[in-house]
Amino acid sequence: MKFLKKYILFPKRFGIFPYIWMIWIIYPITDLWPFNRVDTIIPTILLICFLWFYRNGYSVSKALPIWIYGQYGIIFVLTITNEWIYLLLFSAWEISSLPVSKRTFHQFLAGYYMTLVGCMGLLMAFDEMTPWSFTNQMSIVMVLFLILSPLGGKSVANSYRRSQQLRQQNSRYANLIKRGERERIARDLHDTLGQSFSMITIKSELAAKLLDKHPDQVKNELKEISEASRQNLQLVRNIVTGLRQTSIAEIMIELADELKLQQISLMTDGEGQTNKWPHDIQNILADILREAITNVMRYSRADQVEVHFTQTKAAYHLMVADNGKGYKAVRKDAHGIKGMAERAKIVGGKFGIQTSRSGTVINVQLPKEG
């Protein structure tokens, strides 16, 4: 496996695209088949060298110019011997996908176009064609594809790279949220339990001293210790309850990843303001969101979901809308919609759902405290 990863397989960060592109190597192989002619020996060796240079070109290192310009040279020779100018498409999509600086990319791009012009010039000279007759024979579409492939490939690579960076950024946000929760728990433990246990320790030592000299006062100290223990137990329960709560930011990160796997686009509005909403409100809305989005992924056949967060002087509002097929009637064994409605009603809120052939809209309204 080490040998395969180092010398044969493409680097993992480029995904499966390099392997898919290798399908086009079938064309020069069919030209060489059945490999029983003397005039196929040199092109076969050059094709193998080209594939080796092409694979090594994906390993970004100091030798990268050798692998890229080496491809150009081999393609130039194979254009003379076999008219395989289309091999430039391999190099075009490779240089466009490499994570190199703009300057380096422009250098490779200039070399690519110089090689392309040189190969086209050779083919026209061999066949004694004019540029117009050459494009007619080779197909204008193919010529344009050779010219535009590096630029189109660069656009695709940038889009893929931005998507990958977005996933990494979401992962960082998730880690920040986890760290924030750990810091909050640490503060709660330090500010509450730490001081309470210190007080219990002091009172226990005092009770031990009073036991011989003033036994009548020991009862009061033990009573205060018992009361402090009960308070600490309640504090622990409150902290555990807080750990079980889910913020809207956390659930949105989770749901965004799941929707992306289902190829459903997510649009949100007003999400930033929810960070200041009470924890119990966020916890209820997070549960409703999870159930609503799960229903979208399972039943709606939608390709887009919108989630809107708003608030007024009296209430917090959540709206979830999809562009799916809707539903005709709620199944008898369906507990999702009923559960969402019950969660809202527990705190005196309102739950509404509307559906049609153009999608389903869920509206939730939870009253503000006091």
Protein backbone atom coordinates (compact mmCIF):
# COMPACT_ATOMS: atom_id res chain seq x y z
CA MET A 1 0.00 0.00 0.00
CA LYS A 2 2.84 2.39 0.74
CA PHE A 3 4.25 1.79 -2.75
CA LEU A 4 0.81 2.33 -4.34
CA LYS A 5 0.19 5.55 -2.41
CA LYS A 6 3.65 6.92 -3.15
CA TYR A 7 4.05 6.01 -6.83
CA ILE A 8 0.72 4.88 -8.34
CA LEU A 9 -2.38 6.34 -6.67
CA PHE A 10 -3.30 10.02 -6.86
CA PRO A 11 -3.21 12.12 -3.66
CA LYS A 12 -6.45 11.83 -1.68
CA ARG A 13 -7.05 15.59 -1.52
CA PHE A 14 -7.93 15.59 -5.24
CA GLY A 15 -10.73 13.05 -4.75
CA ILE A 16 -11.80 10.68 -7.53
CA PHE A 17 -11.62 13.26 -10.34
CA PRO A 18 -8.13 12.25 -11.59
CA TYR A 19 -9.30 8.62 -11.84
CA ILE A 20 -12.44 9.58 -13.78
CA TRP A 21 -10.33 11.63 -16.20
CA MET A 22 -8.15 8.57 -16.87
CA ILE A 23 -11.04 7.05 -18.84
CA TRP A 24 -9.95 9.15 -21.84
CA ILE A 25 -6.68 7.25 -22.04
CA ILE A 26 -8.70 4.59 -23.87
CA TYR A 27 -8.41 6.60 -27.10
CA PRO A 28 -4.60 6.44 -27.52
CA ILE A 29 -4.59 2.81 -26.33
CA THR A 30 -7.05 1.83 -29.09
CA ASP A 31 -4.75 3.55 -31.60
CA LEU A 32 -1.83 1.41 -30.41
CA TRP A 33 -3.69 -1.89 -30.14
CA PRO A 34 -2.77 -4.73 -30.64
CA PHE A 35 0.82 -3.63 -29.79
CA ASN A 36 2.35 -6.05 -32.30
CA ARG A 37 3.80 -3.42 -34.67
CA VAL A 38 7.26 -1.95 -34.49
CA ASP A 39 5.96 1.59 -35.02
CA THR A 40 3.94 1.37 -31.79
CA ILE A 41 6.93 0.82 -29.49
CA ILE A 42 8.05 4.45 -29.22
CA PRO A 43 4.51 5.90 -28.81
CA THR A 44 3.75 3.27 -26.16
CA ILE A 45 6.88 4.14 -24.19
CA LEU A 46 6.14 7.86 -24.51
CA LEU A 47 2.52 7.31 -23.42
CA ILE A 48 3.70 5.44 -20.32
CA CYS A 49 6.15 8.26 -19.56
CA PHE A 50 3.35 10.79 -20.04
CA LEU A 51 1.12 8.96 -17.56
CA TRP A 52 4.00 8.83 -15.06
CA PHE A 53 4.62 12.57 -15.43
CA TYR A 54 0.87 13.20 -15.22
CA ARG A 55 0.53 11.25 -11.97
CA ASN A 56 3.59 12.92 -10.40
CA GLY A 57 2.21 16.31 -11.42
CA TYR A 58 -0.49 15.94 -8.75
CA SER A 59 2.20 15.65 -6.07
CA VAL A 60 2.99 19.30 -5.49
CA SER A 61 6.74 19.47 -4.86
CA LYS A 62 9.85 21.30 -6.00
CA ALA A 63 9.96 19.01 -9.05
CA LEU A 64 6.49 20.12 -10.18
CA PRO A 65 7.74 22.21 -13.17
CA ILE A 66 9.60 19.13 -14.43
CA TRP A 67 6.42 17.04 -14.39
CA ILE A 68 4.26 19.73 -16.02
CA TYR A 69 6.68 20.92 -18.70
CA GLY A 70 7.71 17.31 -19.26
CA GLN A 71 4.10 16.53 -20.18
CA TYR A 72 4.11 19.39 -22.67
CA GLY A 73 7.26 18.03 -24.30
CA ILE A 74 5.94 14.48 -24.55
CA ILE A 75 2.63 15.70 -25.99
CA PHE A 76 4.53 17.73 -28.58
CA VAL A 77 6.43 14.61 -29.68
CA LEU A 78 3.29 12.43 -29.68
CA THR A 79 1.52 15.05 -31.79
CA ILE A 80 4.29 14.66 -34.38
CA THR A 81 4.17 10.85 -34.30
CA ASN A 82 0.48 10.11 -33.68
CA GLU A 83 -1.40 13.45 -33.74
CA TRP A 84 -2.48 12.98 -30.10
CA ILE A 85 -2.99 16.67 -29.40
CA TYR A 86 -6.01 15.87 -27.21
CA LEU A 87 -3.61 14.65 -24.49
CA LEU A 88 -3.28 18.33 -23.64
CA LEU A 89 -6.66 18.04 -21.93
CA PHE A 90 -5.00 15.95 -19.21
CA SER A 91 -2.47 18.67 -18.54
CA ALA A 92 -5.12 21.42 -18.78
CA TRP A 93 -7.26 19.99 -16.01
CA GLU A 94 -4.25 19.06 -13.93
CA ILE A 95 -2.67 22.51 -13.82
CA SER A 96 -6.08 24.03 -13.07
CA SER A 97 -6.63 21.79 -10.04
CA LEU A 98 -3.21 22.22 -8.42
CA PRO A 99 -3.06 24.36 -5.23
CA VAL A 100 -0.34 26.67 -6.54
CA SER A 101 0.09 30.44 -6.57
CA LYS A 102 -1.40 32.59 -9.32
CA ARG A 103 2.08 33.29 -10.65
CA THR A 104 2.92 29.59 -10.94
CA PHE A 105 -0.45 28.84 -12.53
CA HIS A 106 0.04 31.61 -15.09
CA GLN A 107 3.48 30.20 -15.93
CA PHE A 108 2.03 26.72 -16.48
CA LEU A 109 -0.86 28.27 -18.45
CA ALA A 110 1.54 30.15 -20.73
CA GLY A 111 3.47 26.92 -21.36
CA TYR A 112 0.21 25.14 -22.09
CA TYR A 113 -0.91 27.65 -24.71
CA MET A 114 2.57 27.71 -26.30
CA THR A 115 2.41 23.91 -26.58
CA LEU A 116 -1.13 24.06 -27.95
CA VAL A 117 -0.18 26.61 -30.62
CA GLY A 118 2.92 24.59 -31.51
CA CYS A 119 0.96 21.33 -31.84
CA MET A 120 -1.76 22.96 -33.94
CA GLY A 121 0.92 24.52 -36.15
CA LEU A 122 2.55 21.13 -36.64
CA LEU A 123 -0.74 19.47 -37.60
CA MET A 124 -1.52 22.24 -40.09
CA ALA A 125 1.98 22.00 -41.58
CA PHE A 126 1.80 18.20 -41.95
CA ASP A 127 -1.59 18.30 -43.64
CA GLU A 128 -0.92 21.59 -45.48
CA MET A 129 -4.08 23.17 -44.09
CA THR A 130 -5.17 26.72 -43.45
CA PRO A 131 -6.33 27.59 -39.91
CA TRP A 132 -9.96 27.54 -41.08
CA SER A 133 -9.75 24.16 -42.80
CA PHE A 134 -7.88 22.81 -39.76
CA THR A 135 -10.63 23.86 -37.35
CA ASN A 136 -13.26 22.41 -39.66
CA GLN A 137 -11.50 19.05 -39.75
CA MET A 138 -10.65 18.95 -36.07
CA SER A 139 -13.99 20.47 -35.01
CA ILE A 140 -14.30 23.99 -33.71
CA VAL A 141 -15.80 22.61 -30.51
CA MET A 142 -12.68 20.53 -29.83
CA VAL A 143 -10.39 23.48 -30.48
CA LEU A 144 -12.42 25.70 -28.16
CA PHE A 145 -12.41 22.93 -25.55
CA LEU A 146 -8.61 22.76 -25.71
CA ILE A 147 -8.37 26.53 -25.40
CA LEU A 148 -10.87 26.99 -22.56
CA SER A 149 -10.20 23.82 -20.52
CA PRO A 150 -7.52 25.32 -18.22
CA LEU A 151 -9.75 28.28 -17.38
CA GLY A 152 -12.87 26.17 -16.92
CA GLY A 153 -10.97 23.65 -14.84
CA LYS A 154 -9.61 26.44 -12.65
CA SER A 155 -13.14 27.67 -11.99
CA VAL A 156 -14.30 24.16 -11.04
CA ALA A 157 -11.26 23.63 -8.80
CA ASN A 158 -11.83 26.97 -7.03
CA SER A 159 -15.47 26.08 -6.43
CA TYR A 160 -14.51 22.69 -5.00
CA ARG A 161 -11.80 24.29 -2.86
CA ARG A 162 -14.25 26.86 -1.47
CA SER A 163 -16.71 24.09 -0.65
CA GLN A 164 -13.98 22.17 1.16
CA GLN A 165 -12.91 25.28 3.08
CA LEU A 166 -16.53 25.87 4.07
CA ARG A 167 -16.78 22.35 5.48
CA GLN A 168 -13.56 22.91 7.41
CA GLN A 169 -14.86 26.24 8.70
CA ASN A 170 -18.09 24.61 9.88
CA SER A 171 -16.03 22.00 11.68
CA ARG A 172 -14.05 24.79 13.38
CA TYR A 173 -17.28 26.48 14.46
CA ALA A 174 -18.48 23.21 15.95
CA ASN A 175 -15.23 22.90 17.90
CA LEU A 176 -15.56 26.50 19.10
CA ILE A 177 -19.06 25.78 20.37
CA LYS A 178 -17.80 22.71 22.22
CA ARG A 179 -14.95 24.70 23.74
CA GLY A 180 -17.37 27.43 24.78
CA GLU A 181 -19.52 24.85 26.54
CA ARG A 182 -16.48 23.42 28.33
CA GLU A 183 -15.48 26.90 29.49
CA ARG A 184 -19.03 27.60 30.70
CA ILE A 185 -19.06 24.35 32.67
CA ALA A 186 -15.66 25.18 34.16
CA ARG A 187 -16.91 28.62 35.26
CA ASP A 188 -20.05 27.11 36.80
CA LEU A 189 -18.03 24.54 38.70
CA HIS A 190 -15.53 27.11 39.93
CA ASP A 191 -18.03 29.82 40.87
CA THR A 192 -20.56 27.54 42.57
CA LEU A 193 -19.39 24.09 43.57
CA GLY A 194 -15.81 25.18 44.30
CA GLN A 195 -16.84 27.81 46.82
CA SER A 196 -19.56 25.61 48.33
CA PHE A 197 -17.19 22.69 48.90
CA SER A 198 -14.64 25.05 50.44
CA MET A 199 -17.32 26.26 52.85
CA ILE A 200 -18.32 22.67 53.70
CA THR A 201 -14.67 21.81 54.43
CA ILE A 202 -14.28 24.79 56.76
CA LYS A 203 -17.50 24.02 58.62
CA SER A 204 -16.56 20.35 58.96
CA GLU A 205 -13.21 21.31 60.53
CA LEU A 206 -14.99 23.78 62.83
CA ALA A 207 -17.50 21.13 63.88
CA ALA A 208 -14.65 18.76 64.76
CA LYS A 209 -13.07 21.43 66.98
CA LEU A 210 -16.36 22.32 68.67
CA LEU A 211 -17.21 18.68 69.38
CA ASP A 212 -15.09 18.61 72.59
CA LYS A 213 -15.43 22.20 73.87
CA HIS A 214 -18.92 23.30 72.66
CA PRO A 215 -20.89 20.20 71.59
CA ASP A 216 -24.16 22.16 71.64
CA GLN A 217 -22.96 24.26 68.67
CA VAL A 218 -22.02 21.23 66.56
CA LYS A 219 -25.67 20.60 65.74
CA ASN A 220 -26.01 24.00 64.03
CA GLU A 221 -22.82 23.50 62.02
CA LEU A 222 -23.95 20.06 60.85
CA LYS A 223 -27.31 21.53 59.87
CA GLU A 224 -25.59 24.18 57.73
CA ILE A 225 -23.36 21.52 56.16
CA SER A 226 -26.42 19.44 55.30
CA GLU A 227 -28.14 22.48 53.76
CA ALA A 228 -25.04 23.32 51.71
CA SER A 229 -24.87 19.73 50.44
CA ARG A 230 -28.48 19.87 49.27
CA GLN A 231 -27.80 23.16 47.47
CA ASN A 232 -24.74 21.68 45.78
CA LEU A 233 -26.78 18.69 44.65
CA GLN A 234 -29.29 21.05 43.07
CA LEU A 235 -26.46 22.96 41.39
CA VAL A 236 -25.14 19.72 39.90
CA ARG A 237 -28.59 18.91 38.59
CA ASN A 238 -28.86 22.37 37.01
CA ILE A 239 -25.47 21.98 35.32
CA VAL A 240 -26.42 18.53 33.99
CA THR A 241 -29.69 19.96 32.70
CA GLY A 242 -27.75 22.69 30.93
CA LEU A 243 -25.49 20.08 29.31
CA ARG A 244 -28.49 18.26 27.90
CA GLN A 245 -29.75 21.39 26.18
CA THR A 246 -29.00 21.98 22.51
CA SER A 247 -28.41 25.44 21.09
CA ILE A 248 -29.80 26.50 17.72
CA ALA A 249 -26.25 27.04 16.42
CA GLU A 250 -25.32 23.44 17.25
CA ILE A 251 -28.40 21.92 15.66
CA MET A 252 -28.02 24.06 12.52
CA ILE A 253 -24.46 22.80 12.01
CA GLU A 254 -25.67 19.22 12.37
CA LEU A 255 -28.68 19.68 10.09
CA ALA A 256 -26.68 21.58 7.45
CA ASP A 257 -24.31 18.61 7.09
CA GLU A 258 -27.20 16.14 6.81
CA LEU A 259 -29.02 18.26 4.22
CA LYS A 260 -25.85 18.56 2.17
CA LEU A 261 -25.54 14.79 2.04
CA GLN A 262 -29.12 14.65 0.74
CA GLN A 263 -28.29 17.35 -1.85
CA ILE A 264 -30.86 19.73 -0.33
CA SER A 265 -29.84 23.39 -0.21
CA LEU A 266 -30.35 25.30 3.03
CA MET A 267 -31.11 29.01 3.34
CA THR A 268 -31.37 30.72 6.74
CA ASP A 269 -32.33 34.19 7.85
CA GLY A 270 -31.91 35.78 11.28
CA GLU A 271 -29.87 32.90 12.66
CA GLY A 272 -27.32 35.17 14.32
CA GLN A 273 -29.80 36.71 16.76
CA THR A 274 -30.73 33.29 18.21
CA ASN A 275 -27.45 33.18 20.16
CA LYS A 276 -29.00 35.67 22.61
CA TRP A 277 -32.28 33.79 23.01
CA PRO A 278 -32.92 31.95 26.33
CA HIS A 279 -31.52 28.44 26.56
CA ASP A 280 -34.91 26.82 27.16
CA ILE A 281 -36.32 28.54 24.04
CA GLN A 282 -33.33 27.40 21.96
CA ASN A 283 -33.70 23.88 23.29
CA ILE A 284 -37.39 23.66 22.29
CA LEU A 285 -36.80 25.20 18.86
CA ALA A 286 -33.80 22.90 18.29
CA ASP A 287 -36.00 19.83 18.90
CA ILE A 288 -38.68 21.20 16.56
CA LEU A 289 -36.07 22.01 13.91
CA ARG A 290 -34.59 18.52 14.07
CA GLU A 291 -38.01 16.91 13.62
CA ALA A 292 -39.07 19.30 10.84
CA ILE A 293 -35.86 18.89 8.82
CA THR A 294 -35.95 15.11 9.32
CA ASN A 295 -39.45 15.06 7.81
CA VAL A 296 -38.20 17.13 4.87
CA MET A 297 -35.37 14.69 4.15
CA ARG A 298 -37.57 11.60 4.51
CA TYR A 299 -40.82 12.53 2.84
CA SER A 300 -40.87 15.87 1.03
CA ARG A 301 -38.64 15.16 -2.01
CA ALA A 302 -37.59 18.81 -1.73
CA ASP A 303 -34.31 20.25 -2.97
CA GLN A 304 -34.48 23.49 -0.96
CA VAL A 305 -35.31 24.40 2.64
CA GLU A 306 -35.66 27.87 4.16
CA VAL A 307 -35.40 28.52 7.91
CA HIS A 308 -36.31 31.97 9.24
CA PHE A 309 -35.79 33.20 12.82
CA THR A 310 -37.53 36.40 13.98
CA GLN A 311 -38.65 37.94 17.23
CA THR A 312 -41.15 40.55 18.35
CA LYS A 313 -41.69 42.25 21.68
CA ALA A 314 -43.88 39.37 22.79
CA ALA A 315 -42.58 36.20 21.12
CA TYR A 316 -39.88 34.26 19.29
CA HIS A 317 -40.78 32.99 15.82
CA LEU A 318 -39.50 30.10 13.70
CA MET A 319 -40.54 29.30 10.14
CA VAL A 320 -39.41 26.22 8.17
CA ALA A 321 -40.45 26.06 4.50
CA ASP A 322 -39.58 23.52 1.81
CA ASN A 323 -40.39 23.25 -1.90
CA GLY A 324 -41.38 19.57 -1.77
CA LYS A 325 -44.53 17.74 -2.77
CA GLY A 326 -46.43 18.42 0.48
CA TYR A 327 -48.80 15.80 1.90
CA LYS A 328 -52.48 14.95 1.57
CA ALA A 329 -53.12 13.77 5.12
CA VAL A 330 -51.15 13.06 8.29
CA ARG A 331 -50.56 9.36 8.90
CA LYS A 332 -52.19 7.89 11.99
CA ASP A 333 -48.86 6.54 13.27
CA ALA A 334 -47.02 9.83 12.58
CA HIS A 335 -45.86 11.32 15.87
CA GLY A 336 -43.49 13.96 14.46
CA ILE A 337 -46.02 16.75 13.82
CA LYS A 338 -47.88 15.96 17.04
CA GLY A 339 -44.61 16.06 18.99
CA MET A 340 -43.64 19.44 17.54
CA ALA A 341 -47.05 20.89 18.44
CA GLU A 342 -46.81 19.54 22.00
CA ARG A 343 -43.35 21.01 22.53
CA ALA A 344 -44.67 24.45 21.57
CA LYS A 345 -47.81 24.18 23.71
CA ILE A 346 -45.84 23.16 26.82
CA VAL A 347 -44.54 26.73 27.12
CA GLY A 348 -47.76 28.34 25.94
CA GLY A 349 -46.65 28.68 22.33
CA LYS A 350 -48.42 28.20 19.01
CA PHE A 351 -47.72 25.70 16.24
CA GLY A 352 -49.08 25.85 12.71
CA ILE A 353 -48.48 23.89 9.53
CA GLN A 354 -49.63 24.53 5.97
CA THR A 355 -49.05 22.26 3.01
CA SER A 356 -49.70 22.27 -0.72
CA ARG A 357 -48.24 20.85 -3.91
CA SER A 358 -45.57 23.55 -3.81
CA GLY A 359 -44.29 22.59 -0.37
CA THR A 360 -44.87 22.70 3.38
CA VAL A 361 -44.54 25.64 5.78
CA ILE A 362 -44.21 25.25 9.57
CA ASN A 363 -44.69 28.25 11.85
CA VAL A 364 -43.78 28.20 15.55
CA GLN A 365 -44.35 31.02 18.02
CA LEU A 366 -43.01 30.86 21.60
CA PRO A 367 -43.87 33.61 24.13
CA LYS A 368 -41.14 35.61 25.81
CA GLU A 369 -40.72 35.37 29.56
CA GLY A 370 -42.55 37.95 31.67
